[in-house]
Amino acid sequence: MDFDAPNIIAALVFSALGFVYFSYGKKQTKMPLVITGGLLMGYSYFTPTLAWNIGVGLLLALLPLIWRS
């Protein structure tokens, strides 16, 4: 992971969204949201560039919406 401002901001945004997914999923006992939230909070440690960070983050953030349909 590059330690530049855009990469860190993207990681914070997607981690915050992951926390919301995780908390809501835990409260509603919906495991897909809990799993997606956990993945969103941790995936940014394994993405090498900003493009990968945003791409994987968007894919994971939209996964519960696709999964539900």
Protein backbone atom coordinates (compact mmCIF):
# COMPACT_ATOMS: atom_id res chain seq x y z
CA MET A 1 0.00 0.00 0.00
CA ASP A 2 1.32 3.40 -0.96
CA PHE A 3 1.21 5.89 1.88
CA ASP A 4 0.02 8.91 -0.05
CA ALA A 5 -2.99 11.08 0.77
CA PRO A 6 -5.47 9.84 -1.88
CA ASN A 7 -4.82 6.19 -1.03
CA ILE A 8 -5.22 6.79 2.69
CA ILE A 9 -8.42 8.81 2.17
CA ALA A 10 -9.90 6.06 -0.03
CA ALA A 11 -9.00 3.46 2.59
CA LEU A 12 -10.65 5.54 5.33
CA VAL A 13 -13.83 6.08 3.31
CA PHE A 14 -14.25 2.41 2.45
CA SER A 15 -13.33 1.32 5.97
CA ALA A 16 -15.97 3.66 7.41
CA LEU A 17 -18.54 2.22 5.00
CA GLY A 18 -17.43 -1.25 6.03
CA PHE A 19 -17.98 -0.37 9.68
CA VAL A 20 -21.51 0.80 8.86
CA TYR A 21 -22.22 -2.42 6.93
CA PHE A 22 -20.77 -4.52 9.74
CA SER A 23 -22.72 -2.75 12.50
CA TYR A 24 -26.01 -2.80 10.60
CA GLY A 25 -25.56 -6.41 9.55
CA LYS A 26 -24.79 -7.46 13.11
CA LYS A 27 -27.84 -5.65 14.44
CA GLN A 28 -30.13 -7.11 11.76
CA THR A 29 -28.38 -10.53 11.87
CA LYS A 30 -27.62 -10.43 8.14
CA MET A 31 -24.41 -12.34 7.53
CA PRO A 32 -23.73 -11.04 3.99
CA LEU A 33 -23.50 -7.50 5.37
CA VAL A 34 -21.30 -8.59 8.26
CA ILE A 35 -18.91 -10.40 5.92
CA THR A 36 -18.82 -7.55 3.41
CA GLY A 37 -18.24 -5.04 6.20
CA GLY A 38 -15.33 -7.05 7.53
CA LEU A 39 -13.82 -7.30 4.08
CA LEU A 40 -14.23 -3.57 3.47
CA MET A 41 -12.49 -2.77 6.74
CA GLY A 42 -9.44 -4.89 5.91
CA TYR A 43 -8.93 -5.18 2.16
CA SER A 44 -7.01 -1.92 1.74
CA TYR A 45 -3.95 -3.43 3.45
CA PHE A 46 -3.56 -5.76 0.48
CA THR A 47 -4.14 -3.42 -2.49
CA PRO A 48 -0.96 -2.03 -4.05
CA THR A 49 -2.27 1.07 -5.86
CA LEU A 50 -5.02 3.67 -5.65
CA ALA A 51 -6.80 2.22 -8.69
CA TRP A 52 -6.97 -1.22 -7.09
CA ASN A 53 -8.04 0.31 -3.79
CA ILE A 54 -10.96 2.15 -5.37
CA GLY A 55 -11.89 -0.70 -7.72
CA VAL A 56 -12.02 -3.39 -5.06
CA GLY A 57 -13.72 -0.98 -2.64
CA LEU A 58 -16.49 -0.18 -5.10
CA LEU A 59 -16.96 -3.84 -5.94
CA LEU A 60 -17.24 -4.81 -2.28
CA ALA A 61 -19.49 -1.83 -1.47
CA LEU A 62 -21.92 -2.81 -4.24
CA LEU A 63 -21.78 -6.53 -3.50
CA PRO A 64 -24.67 -6.53 -0.96
CA LEU A 65 -26.88 -4.66 -3.43
CA ILE A 66 -26.08 -7.19 -6.17
CA TRP A 67 -26.37 -10.11 -3.73
CA ARG A 68 -29.86 -9.02 -2.61
CA SER A 69 -31.23 -8.74 -6.16
